[in-house]
């Protein structure tokens, strides 16, 4: 029993480390400047559209930003698959009070693109306004129609900061 509790406790660290390794892999891949800029603009636009959908109380639309096999993972829960993702967001219907996504970094191109960021989500919980501020790692997957949808959404307390490369 202790082993299972220990695994659950450290799963967030494992997933964060796994995605940081993937981030390094994506960063090492060669990218053309125009392709990278286009992908970054697409992801930034998707972030804005998700905020707008939430702030307009359109939780079906928010859920639609996730792929059918997408998942949200945090320390004490996992939401997996279309039905559960829809329910997760629909549970916030008429409870949302505002959502702001801040992008720290976007990288990669082709089938998978990663995003590091911060989510500041306000909602009503037990009649009181609550505020959930979390950091996240998103893995966007390119769909057959060329658009991106969220494949993995890992919420973490790890703080991401934009780094500035050494200039010589």
C-alpha atoms as a PDB file:
ATOM      1  CA  UNK A   1       0.000   0.000   0.000  1.00  0.00           C
ATOM      2  CA  UNK A   2       2.850   2.375   0.834  1.00  0.00           C
ATOM      3  CA  UNK A   3       4.387   1.704  -2.586  1.00  0.00           C
ATOM      4  CA  UNK A   4       1.192   2.749  -4.366  1.00  0.00           C
ATOM      5  CA  UNK A   5       0.963   5.941  -2.297  1.00  0.00           C
ATOM      6  CA  UNK A   6       4.616   6.682  -2.998  1.00  0.00           C
ATOM      7  CA  UNK A   7       4.082   6.130  -6.748  1.00  0.00           C
ATOM      8  CA  UNK A   8       1.048   8.418  -6.769  1.00  0.00           C
ATOM      9  CA  UNK A   9       2.944  11.070  -4.840  1.00  0.00           C
ATOM     10  CA  UNK A  10       5.878  11.072  -7.247  1.00  0.00           C
ATOM     11  CA  UNK A  11       4.007  10.575 -10.528  1.00  0.00           C
ATOM     12  CA  UNK A  12       3.806  14.335 -11.105  1.00  0.00           C
ATOM     13  CA  UNK A  13       7.588  14.609 -10.763  1.00  0.00           C
ATOM     14  CA  UNK A  14       8.039  11.697 -13.158  1.00  0.00           C
ATOM     15  CA  UNK A  15       5.769  13.226 -15.814  1.00  0.00           C
ATOM     16  CA  UNK A  16       7.381  16.649 -15.413  1.00  0.00           C
ATOM     17  CA  UNK A  17      10.851  15.161 -15.861  1.00  0.00           C
ATOM     18  CA  UNK A  18       9.687  13.094 -18.822  1.00  0.00           C
ATOM     19  CA  UNK A  19       8.327  16.149 -20.570  1.00  0.00           C
ATOM     20  CA  UNK A  20      11.382  18.241 -19.779  1.00  0.00           C
ATOM     21  CA  UNK A  21      13.452  15.537 -21.490  1.00  0.00           C
ATOM     22  CA  UNK A  22      11.079  15.678 -24.460  1.00  0.00           C
ATOM     23  CA  UNK A  23      11.396  19.452 -24.477  1.00  0.00           C
ATOM     24  CA  UNK A  24      15.161  19.157 -24.752  1.00  0.00           C
ATOM     25  CA  UNK A  25      14.756  16.692 -27.614  1.00  0.00           C
ATOM     26  CA  UNK A  26      12.423  19.057 -29.471  1.00  0.00           C
ATOM     27  CA  UNK A  27      14.754  21.998 -28.897  1.00  0.00           C
ATOM     28  CA  UNK A  28      17.678  20.095 -30.364  1.00  0.00           C
ATOM     29  CA  UNK A  29      15.804  19.377 -33.579  1.00  0.00           C
ATOM     30  CA  UNK A  30      16.533  21.808 -36.377  1.00  0.00           C
ATOM     31  CA  UNK A  31      13.687  24.167 -37.220  1.00  0.00           C
ATOM     32  CA  UNK A  32      13.307  26.798 -39.855  1.00  0.00           C
ATOM     33  CA  UNK A  33      12.495  30.258 -38.494  1.00  0.00           C
ATOM     34  CA  UNK A  34       9.326  30.681 -40.574  1.00  0.00           C
ATOM     35  CA  UNK A  35       7.872  27.287 -39.621  1.00  0.00           C
ATOM     36  CA  UNK A  36       8.607  27.909 -35.952  1.00  0.00           C
ATOM     37  CA  UNK A  37       7.010  31.353 -36.051  1.00  0.00           C
ATOM     38  CA  UNK A  38       3.910  29.992 -37.808  1.00  0.00           C
ATOM     39  CA  UNK A  39       3.485  27.193 -35.259  1.00  0.00           C
ATOM     40  CA  UNK A  40       3.986  29.606 -32.342  1.00  0.00           C
ATOM     41  CA  UNK A  41       1.338  31.924 -33.777  1.00  0.00           C
ATOM     42  CA  UNK A  42      -1.082  28.988 -34.176  1.00  0.00           C
ATOM     43  CA  UNK A  43      -0.575  27.878 -30.563  1.00  0.00           C
ATOM     44  CA  UNK A  44      -0.869  31.452 -29.250  1.00  0.00           C
ATOM     45  CA  UNK A  45      -4.120  31.845 -31.183  1.00  0.00           C
ATOM     46  CA  UNK A  46      -5.443  28.551 -29.792  1.00  0.00           C
ATOM     47  CA  UNK A  47      -4.643  29.751 -26.263  1.00  0.00           C
ATOM     48  CA  UNK A  48      -6.591  32.956 -26.881  1.00  0.00           C
ATOM     49  CA  UNK A  49      -9.529  31.017 -28.341  1.00  0.00           C
ATOM     50  CA  UNK A  50      -9.586  28.696 -25.298  1.00  0.00           C
ATOM     51  CA  UNK A  51      -9.615  31.678 -22.934  1.00  0.00           C
ATOM     52  CA  UNK A  52     -12.410  33.297 -24.951  1.00  0.00           C
ATOM     53  CA  UNK A  53     -14.490  30.093 -24.955  1.00  0.00           C
ATOM     54  CA  UNK A  54     -14.118  29.718 -21.176  1.00  0.00           C
ATOM     55  CA  UNK A  55     -14.823  33.384 -20.528  1.00  0.00           C
ATOM     56  CA  UNK A  56     -17.957  33.086 -22.719  1.00  0.00           C
ATOM     57  CA  UNK A  57     -19.083  30.024 -20.708  1.00  0.00           C
ATOM     58  CA  UNK A  58     -18.727  27.712 -23.735  1.00  0.00           C
ATOM     59  CA  UNK A  59     -17.245  24.711 -21.950  1.00  0.00           C
ATOM     60  CA  UNK A  60     -18.047  22.365 -24.850  1.00  0.00           C
ATOM     61  CA  UNK A  61     -15.763  24.473 -26.999  1.00  0.00           C
ATOM     62  CA  UNK A  62     -13.031  24.422 -24.332  1.00  0.00           C
ATOM     63  CA  UNK A  63     -13.219  20.607 -24.202  1.00  0.00           C
ATOM     64  CA  UNK A  64     -13.011  20.566 -28.009  1.00  0.00           C
ATOM     65  CA  UNK A  65      -9.437  21.876 -27.862  1.00  0.00           C
ATOM     66  CA  UNK A  66      -8.412  18.424 -26.577  1.00  0.00           C
ATOM     67  CA  UNK A  67      -7.931  15.405 -28.841  1.00  0.00           C
ATOM     68  CA  UNK A  68     -10.330  12.499 -28.347  1.00  0.00           C
ATOM     69  CA  UNK A  69      -7.554  10.544 -26.612  1.00  0.00           C
ATOM     70  CA  UNK A  70      -6.250  13.550 -24.702  1.00  0.00           C
ATOM     71  CA  UNK A  71      -5.636  13.643 -20.989  1.00  0.00           C
ATOM     72  CA  UNK A  72      -5.166  16.037 -18.094  1.00  0.00           C
ATOM     73  CA  UNK A  73      -2.852  14.867 -15.310  1.00  0.00           C
ATOM     74  CA  UNK A  74      -2.310  16.440 -11.907  1.00  0.00           C
ATOM     75  CA  UNK A  75      -1.060  15.152  -8.538  1.00  0.00           C
ATOM     76  CA  UNK A  76      -4.349  13.693  -7.360  1.00  0.00           C
ATOM     77  CA  UNK A  77      -6.329  13.050 -10.537  1.00  0.00           C
ATOM     78  CA  UNK A  78      -6.217  12.090 -14.193  1.00  0.00           C
ATOM     79  CA  UNK A  79      -8.878  12.922 -16.767  1.00  0.00           C
ATOM     80  CA  UNK A  80      -8.588  10.667 -19.831  1.00  0.00           C
ATOM     81  CA  UNK A  81     -10.583  10.445 -23.069  1.00  0.00           C
ATOM     82  CA  UNK A  82     -13.308  12.433 -24.785  1.00  0.00           C
ATOM     83  CA  UNK A  83     -16.195  11.600 -22.436  1.00  0.00           C
ATOM     84  CA  UNK A  84     -14.206  12.454 -19.295  1.00  0.00           C
ATOM     85  CA  UNK A  85     -12.677  15.599 -20.790  1.00  0.00           C
ATOM     86  CA  UNK A  86     -16.139  16.831 -21.800  1.00  0.00           C
ATOM     87  CA  UNK A  87     -17.448  16.166 -18.284  1.00  0.00           C
ATOM     88  CA  UNK A  88     -14.422  17.839 -16.667  1.00  0.00           C
ATOM     89  CA  UNK A  89     -15.029  21.094 -18.524  1.00  0.00           C
ATOM     90  CA  UNK A  90     -18.846  20.924 -18.441  1.00  0.00           C
ATOM     91  CA  UNK A  91     -18.643  20.714 -14.635  1.00  0.00           C
ATOM     92  CA  UNK A  92     -17.398  24.328 -14.803  1.00  0.00           C
ATOM     93  CA  UNK A  93     -20.433  25.488 -16.827  1.00  0.00           C
ATOM     94  CA  UNK A  94     -21.890  28.648 -15.202  1.00  0.00           C
ATOM     95  CA  UNK A  95     -19.094  28.550 -12.584  1.00  0.00           C
ATOM     96  CA  UNK A  96     -16.261  30.148 -14.553  1.00  0.00           C
ATOM     97  CA  UNK A  97     -15.292  33.695 -13.627  1.00  0.00           C
ATOM     98  CA  UNK A  98     -12.260  34.181 -15.845  1.00  0.00           C
ATOM     99  CA  UNK A  99      -9.278  32.390 -17.333  1.00  0.00           C
ATOM    100  CA  UNK A 100      -5.893  33.745 -18.331  1.00  0.00           C
ATOM    101  CA  UNK A 101      -3.232  31.584 -19.961  1.00  0.00           C
ATOM    102  CA  UNK A 102       0.335  32.873 -19.971  1.00  0.00           C
ATOM    103  CA  UNK A 103       2.784  31.328 -22.407  1.00  0.00           C
ATOM    104  CA  UNK A 104       6.355  30.841 -21.193  1.00  0.00           C
ATOM    105  CA  UNK A 105       7.671  28.848 -24.133  1.00  0.00           C
ATOM    106  CA  UNK A 106       6.504  27.062 -27.275  1.00  0.00           C
ATOM    107  CA  UNK A 107       8.714  24.735 -29.277  1.00  0.00           C
ATOM    108  CA  UNK A 108       8.802  21.897 -31.736  1.00  0.00           C
ATOM    109  CA  UNK A 109       7.060  21.521 -35.050  1.00  0.00           C
ATOM    110  CA  UNK A 110       5.484  18.830 -37.143  1.00  0.00           C
ATOM    111  CA  UNK A 111       3.350  16.254 -35.363  1.00  0.00           C
ATOM    112  CA  UNK A 112       4.083  17.418 -31.783  1.00  0.00           C
ATOM    113  CA  UNK A 113       4.545  20.871 -30.287  1.00  0.00           C
ATOM    114  CA  UNK A 114       5.149  21.559 -26.599  1.00  0.00           C
ATOM    115  CA  UNK A 115       4.044  24.532 -24.556  1.00  0.00           C
ATOM    116  CA  UNK A 116       5.079  25.655 -21.079  1.00  0.00           C
ATOM    117  CA  UNK A 117       2.808  28.107 -19.343  1.00  0.00           C
ATOM    118  CA  UNK A 118       0.757  29.278 -16.403  1.00  0.00           C
ATOM    119  CA  UNK A 119      -3.000  29.003 -15.982  1.00  0.00           C
ATOM    120  CA  UNK A 120      -4.916  31.476 -13.797  1.00  0.00           C
ATOM    121  CA  UNK A 121      -8.487  30.194 -13.608  1.00  0.00           C
ATOM    122  CA  UNK A 122     -11.214  31.774 -11.472  1.00  0.00           C
ATOM    123  CA  UNK A 123     -14.406  29.842 -10.705  1.00  0.00           C
ATOM    124  CA  UNK A 124     -17.213  29.466  -8.167  1.00  0.00           C
ATOM    125  CA  UNK A 125     -16.740  26.624  -5.672  1.00  0.00           C
ATOM    126  CA  UNK A 126     -19.287  26.084  -2.881  1.00  0.00           C
ATOM    127  CA  UNK A 127     -20.714  29.548  -3.495  1.00  0.00           C
ATOM    128  CA  UNK A 128     -17.346  31.304  -3.177  1.00  0.00           C
ATOM    129  CA  UNK A 129     -14.974  32.526  -5.862  1.00  0.00           C
ATOM    130  CA  UNK A 130     -11.848  30.385  -6.021  1.00  0.00           C
ATOM    131  CA  UNK A 131      -8.638  30.924  -7.899  1.00  0.00           C
ATOM    132  CA  UNK A 132      -6.537  28.101  -9.316  1.00  0.00           C
ATOM    133  CA  UNK A 133      -3.056  29.085 -10.461  1.00  0.00           C
ATOM    134  CA  UNK A 134      -1.007  26.232 -11.898  1.00  0.00           C
ATOM    135  CA  UNK A 135       1.887  25.743 -14.245  1.00  0.00           C
ATOM    136  CA  UNK A 136       1.442  23.357 -17.133  1.00  0.00           C
ATOM    137  CA  UNK A 137       3.182  21.410 -19.858  1.00  0.00           C
ATOM    138  CA  UNK A 138       0.995  20.911 -22.930  1.00  0.00           C
ATOM    139  CA  UNK A 139       1.790  18.533 -25.717  1.00  0.00           C
ATOM    140  CA  UNK A 140      -0.155  19.585 -28.813  1.00  0.00           C
ATOM    141  CA  UNK A 141      -0.624  16.993 -31.543  1.00  0.00           C
ATOM    142  CA  UNK A 142      -1.228  17.872 -35.183  1.00  0.00           C
ATOM    143  CA  UNK A 143      -4.536  16.556 -36.523  1.00  0.00           C
ATOM    144  CA  UNK A 144      -5.261  15.231 -40.010  1.00  0.00           C
ATOM    145  CA  UNK A 145      -6.694  18.629 -40.997  1.00  0.00           C
ATOM    146  CA  UNK A 146      -3.431  20.410 -40.015  1.00  0.00           C
ATOM    147  CA  UNK A 147      -4.768  21.953 -36.793  1.00  0.00           C
ATOM    148  CA  UNK A 148      -3.383  21.222 -33.340  1.00  0.00           C
ATOM    149  CA  UNK A 149      -5.245  19.756 -30.373  1.00  0.00           C
ATOM    150  CA  UNK A 150      -4.067  19.116 -26.833  1.00  0.00           C
ATOM    151  CA  UNK A 151      -2.860  15.537 -26.495  1.00  0.00           C
ATOM    152  CA  UNK A 152      -1.407  15.822 -22.975  1.00  0.00           C
ATOM    153  CA  UNK A 153      -1.998  18.492 -20.320  1.00  0.00           C
ATOM    154  CA  UNK A 154       0.291  18.056 -17.317  1.00  0.00           C
ATOM    155  CA  UNK A 155      -0.384  20.416 -14.421  1.00  0.00           C
ATOM    156  CA  UNK A 156       2.506  20.975 -12.047  1.00  0.00           C
ATOM    157  CA  UNK A 157       3.757  23.214  -9.274  1.00  0.00           C
ATOM    158  CA  UNK A 158       7.122  23.432 -11.058  1.00  0.00           C
ATOM    159  CA  UNK A 159       7.652  27.054 -12.055  1.00  0.00           C
ATOM    160  CA  UNK A 160       8.799  27.680 -15.610  1.00  0.00           C
ATOM    161  CA  UNK A 161      10.822  30.768 -16.425  1.00  0.00           C
ATOM    162  CA  UNK A 162      11.844  32.016 -19.815  1.00  0.00           C
ATOM    163  CA  UNK A 163      15.584  31.702 -20.268  1.00  0.00           C
ATOM    164  CA  UNK A 164      17.677  34.088 -22.275  1.00  0.00           C
ATOM    165  CA  UNK A 165      20.539  32.435 -24.156  1.00  0.00           C
ATOM    166  CA  UNK A 166      24.051  33.667 -23.414  1.00  0.00           C
ATOM    167  CA  UNK A 167      25.037  36.299 -25.906  1.00  0.00           C
ATOM    168  CA  UNK A 168      28.661  36.457 -27.004  1.00  0.00           C
END
